[in-house]
């Protein structure tokens, strides 16, 4: 696992999924449940690129639940 690092909070996660890879990014909390964005691709690099684009377009909200 050299060269790999853990992703920080709010950066999403990337994993193998069916015939390729998937990434999920938590956007924040709605009224009752979490809001997430999913990204799919054939290669891990493709999914990481899409995830970076998604992070720049929709930054995660830091809403506080009371």
N, C-alpha and C. Protein backbone atom coordinates (compact mmCIF):
# COMPACT_ATOMS: atom_id res chain seq x y z
N UNK A 1 0.81 -1.19 0.00
CA UNK A 1 0.00 0.00 0.00
C UNK A 1 0.85 1.26 0.00
N UNK A 2 2.03 1.18 -0.45
CA UNK A 2 2.85 2.39 -0.46
C UNK A 2 2.33 3.34 -1.52
N UNK A 3 2.37 4.62 -1.23
CA UNK A 3 1.88 5.62 -2.16
C UNK A 3 0.41 5.97 -1.96
N UNK A 4 -0.30 5.18 -1.17
CA UNK A 4 -1.71 5.47 -0.92
C UNK A 4 -1.85 6.12 0.44
N UNK A 5 -2.82 7.01 0.55
CA UNK A 5 -3.07 7.67 1.82
C UNK A 5 -4.55 7.57 2.14
N UNK A 6 -4.87 7.81 3.37
CA UNK A 6 -6.27 7.86 3.76
C UNK A 6 -6.88 9.15 3.31
N UNK A 7 -8.12 9.10 2.93
CA UNK A 7 -8.82 10.31 2.53
C UNK A 7 -9.33 11.01 3.78
N UNK A 8 -9.26 12.32 3.80
CA UNK A 8 -9.71 13.11 4.94
C UNK A 8 -11.23 13.18 4.97
N UNK A 9 -11.75 13.67 6.08
CA UNK A 9 -13.19 13.84 6.21
C UNK A 9 -13.69 14.81 5.15
N UNK A 10 -14.78 14.45 4.48
CA UNK A 10 -15.36 15.32 3.46
C UNK A 10 -14.78 15.12 2.07
N UNK A 11 -13.82 14.20 1.91
CA UNK A 11 -13.22 13.96 0.59
C UNK A 11 -13.87 12.79 -0.15
N UNK A 12 -14.77 12.08 0.48
CA UNK A 12 -15.44 10.98 -0.19
C UNK A 12 -14.64 9.69 -0.06
N UNK A 13 -15.13 8.63 -0.72
CA UNK A 13 -14.45 7.34 -0.70
C UNK A 13 -14.55 6.69 -2.07
N UNK A 14 -13.53 5.92 -2.43
CA UNK A 14 -13.44 5.24 -3.72
C UNK A 14 -13.27 3.76 -3.45
N UNK A 15 -14.01 2.92 -4.19
CA UNK A 15 -13.93 1.48 -3.97
C UNK A 15 -14.35 0.73 -5.23
N UNK A 16 -13.99 -0.57 -5.29
CA UNK A 16 -14.39 -1.41 -6.42
C UNK A 16 -15.89 -1.65 -6.34
N UNK A 17 -16.53 -1.60 -7.52
CA UNK A 17 -17.98 -1.75 -7.56
C UNK A 17 -18.37 -2.41 -8.87
N UNK A 18 -18.97 -3.56 -8.81
CA UNK A 18 -19.38 -4.33 -9.98
C UNK A 18 -18.25 -4.49 -10.98
N UNK A 19 -18.37 -3.94 -12.19
CA UNK A 19 -17.36 -4.11 -13.23
C UNK A 19 -16.30 -3.01 -13.23
N UNK A 20 -16.36 -2.09 -12.31
CA UNK A 20 -15.41 -0.98 -12.30
C UNK A 20 -15.21 -0.44 -10.89
N UNK A 21 -15.30 0.87 -10.78
CA UNK A 21 -15.10 1.53 -9.50
C UNK A 21 -16.24 2.51 -9.25
N UNK A 22 -16.41 2.87 -7.98
CA UNK A 22 -17.42 3.85 -7.59
C UNK A 22 -16.83 4.76 -6.52
N UNK A 23 -17.38 5.95 -6.43
CA UNK A 23 -17.00 6.90 -5.38
C UNK A 23 -18.27 7.52 -4.84
N UNK A 24 -18.26 7.81 -3.57
CA UNK A 24 -19.41 8.46 -2.94
C UNK A 24 -18.90 9.64 -2.13
N UNK A 25 -19.62 10.76 -2.24
CA UNK A 25 -19.28 11.98 -1.52
C UNK A 25 -20.50 12.42 -0.73
N UNK A 26 -20.32 12.60 0.57
CA UNK A 26 -21.43 13.05 1.40
C UNK A 26 -21.55 14.56 1.29
N UNK A 27 -22.71 15.03 0.84
CA UNK A 27 -22.94 16.44 0.63
C UNK A 27 -23.36 17.13 1.93
N UNK A 28 -24.15 16.47 2.72
CA UNK A 28 -24.62 17.05 3.99
C UNK A 28 -25.88 16.35 4.44
N UNK A 29 -26.59 16.98 5.35
CA UNK A 29 -27.82 16.41 5.89
C UNK A 29 -29.02 17.14 5.34
N UNK A 30 -30.04 16.37 4.97
CA UNK A 30 -31.32 16.93 4.58
C UNK A 30 -32.17 17.06 5.82
N UNK A 31 -33.48 16.94 5.66
CA UNK A 31 -34.38 17.00 6.80
C UNK A 31 -34.20 15.79 7.72
N UNK A 32 -34.11 14.61 7.11
CA UNK A 32 -34.06 13.38 7.90
C UNK A 32 -32.81 12.55 7.64
N UNK A 33 -32.36 12.50 6.39
CA UNK A 33 -31.25 11.61 6.07
C UNK A 33 -30.13 12.33 5.33
N UNK A 34 -29.01 11.63 5.17
CA UNK A 34 -27.84 12.20 4.52
C UNK A 34 -28.06 12.35 3.02
N UNK A 35 -27.41 13.33 2.45
CA UNK A 35 -27.44 13.54 1.01
C UNK A 35 -26.08 13.15 0.46
N UNK A 36 -26.07 12.22 -0.52
CA UNK A 36 -24.82 11.73 -1.08
C UNK A 36 -24.85 11.82 -2.60
N UNK A 37 -23.68 12.00 -3.18
CA UNK A 37 -23.51 11.98 -4.63
C UNK A 37 -22.64 10.77 -4.98
N UNK A 38 -23.05 9.99 -5.97
CA UNK A 38 -22.33 8.81 -6.41
C UNK A 38 -21.73 9.05 -7.78
N UNK A 39 -20.53 8.52 -8.01
CA UNK A 39 -19.83 8.63 -9.29
C UNK A 39 -19.33 7.23 -9.65
N UNK A 40 -19.50 6.84 -10.91
CA UNK A 40 -19.08 5.52 -11.37
C UNK A 40 -18.13 5.65 -12.55
N UNK A 41 -17.28 4.63 -12.74
CA UNK A 41 -16.37 4.61 -13.88
C UNK A 41 -15.70 3.26 -14.03
N UNK A 42 -15.05 3.05 -15.17
CA UNK A 42 -14.38 1.79 -15.45
C UNK A 42 -13.05 1.67 -14.71
N UNK A 43 -12.34 2.79 -14.54
CA UNK A 43 -11.04 2.75 -13.89
C UNK A 43 -11.06 3.62 -12.62
N UNK A 44 -10.14 3.33 -11.72
CA UNK A 44 -10.06 4.11 -10.48
C UNK A 44 -9.65 5.55 -10.78
N UNK A 45 -8.74 5.74 -11.73
CA UNK A 45 -8.29 7.09 -12.10
C UNK A 45 -9.45 7.92 -12.63
N UNK A 46 -10.31 7.31 -13.45
CA UNK A 46 -11.48 8.01 -14.00
C UNK A 46 -12.42 8.46 -12.89
N UNK A 47 -12.65 7.58 -11.92
CA UNK A 47 -13.54 7.90 -10.81
C UNK A 47 -12.93 8.99 -9.93
N UNK A 48 -11.62 8.92 -9.69
CA UNK A 48 -10.96 9.95 -8.89
C UNK A 48 -11.05 11.32 -9.56
N UNK A 49 -10.88 11.36 -10.88
CA UNK A 49 -11.00 12.63 -11.60
C UNK A 49 -12.41 13.20 -11.48
N UNK A 50 -13.40 12.34 -11.63
CA UNK A 50 -14.79 12.79 -11.50
C UNK A 50 -15.10 13.25 -10.08
N UNK A 51 -14.52 12.56 -9.08
CA UNK A 51 -14.73 12.93 -7.70
C UNK A 51 -14.12 14.30 -7.40
N UNK A 52 -12.95 14.57 -7.94
CA UNK A 52 -12.32 15.89 -7.75
C UNK A 52 -13.20 16.97 -8.37
N UNK A 53 -13.73 16.72 -9.57
CA UNK A 53 -14.64 17.68 -10.20
C UNK A 53 -15.88 17.91 -9.34
N UNK A 54 -16.41 16.84 -8.79
CA UNK A 54 -17.60 16.94 -7.95
C UNK A 54 -17.30 17.72 -6.67
N UNK A 55 -16.12 17.54 -6.09
CA UNK A 55 -15.75 18.26 -4.86
C UNK A 55 -15.63 19.75 -5.11
N UNK A 56 -15.17 20.14 -6.29
CA UNK A 56 -15.03 21.57 -6.58
C UNK A 56 -16.37 22.21 -6.89
N UNK A 57 -17.31 21.44 -7.44
CA UNK A 57 -18.63 21.98 -7.78
C UNK A 57 -19.54 22.05 -6.56
N UNK A 58 -19.56 20.99 -5.76
CA UNK A 58 -20.45 20.94 -4.60
C UNK A 58 -19.65 20.67 -3.34
N UNK A 59 -19.16 21.70 -2.66
CA UNK A 59 -18.43 21.47 -1.41
C UNK A 59 -19.37 20.94 -0.34
N UNK A 60 -18.88 20.04 0.52
CA UNK A 60 -19.74 19.48 1.55
C UNK A 60 -20.18 20.55 2.55
N UNK A 61 -21.43 20.48 2.96
CA UNK A 61 -21.94 21.44 3.93
C UNK A 61 -21.61 20.97 5.33
N UNK A 62 -21.42 21.89 6.22
CA UNK A 62 -21.09 21.56 7.61
C UNK A 62 -22.29 21.86 8.49
N UNK A 63 -23.45 21.35 8.11
CA UNK A 63 -24.66 21.62 8.87
C UNK A 63 -24.62 20.88 10.21
N UNK A 64 -25.17 21.50 11.21
CA UNK A 64 -25.18 20.94 12.56
C UNK A 64 -26.58 20.43 12.85
N UNK A 65 -26.64 19.21 13.32
CA UNK A 65 -27.93 18.64 13.70
C UNK A 65 -28.18 18.89 15.18
N UNK A 66 -29.37 19.38 15.48
CA UNK A 66 -29.72 19.64 16.88
C UNK A 66 -30.69 18.62 17.37
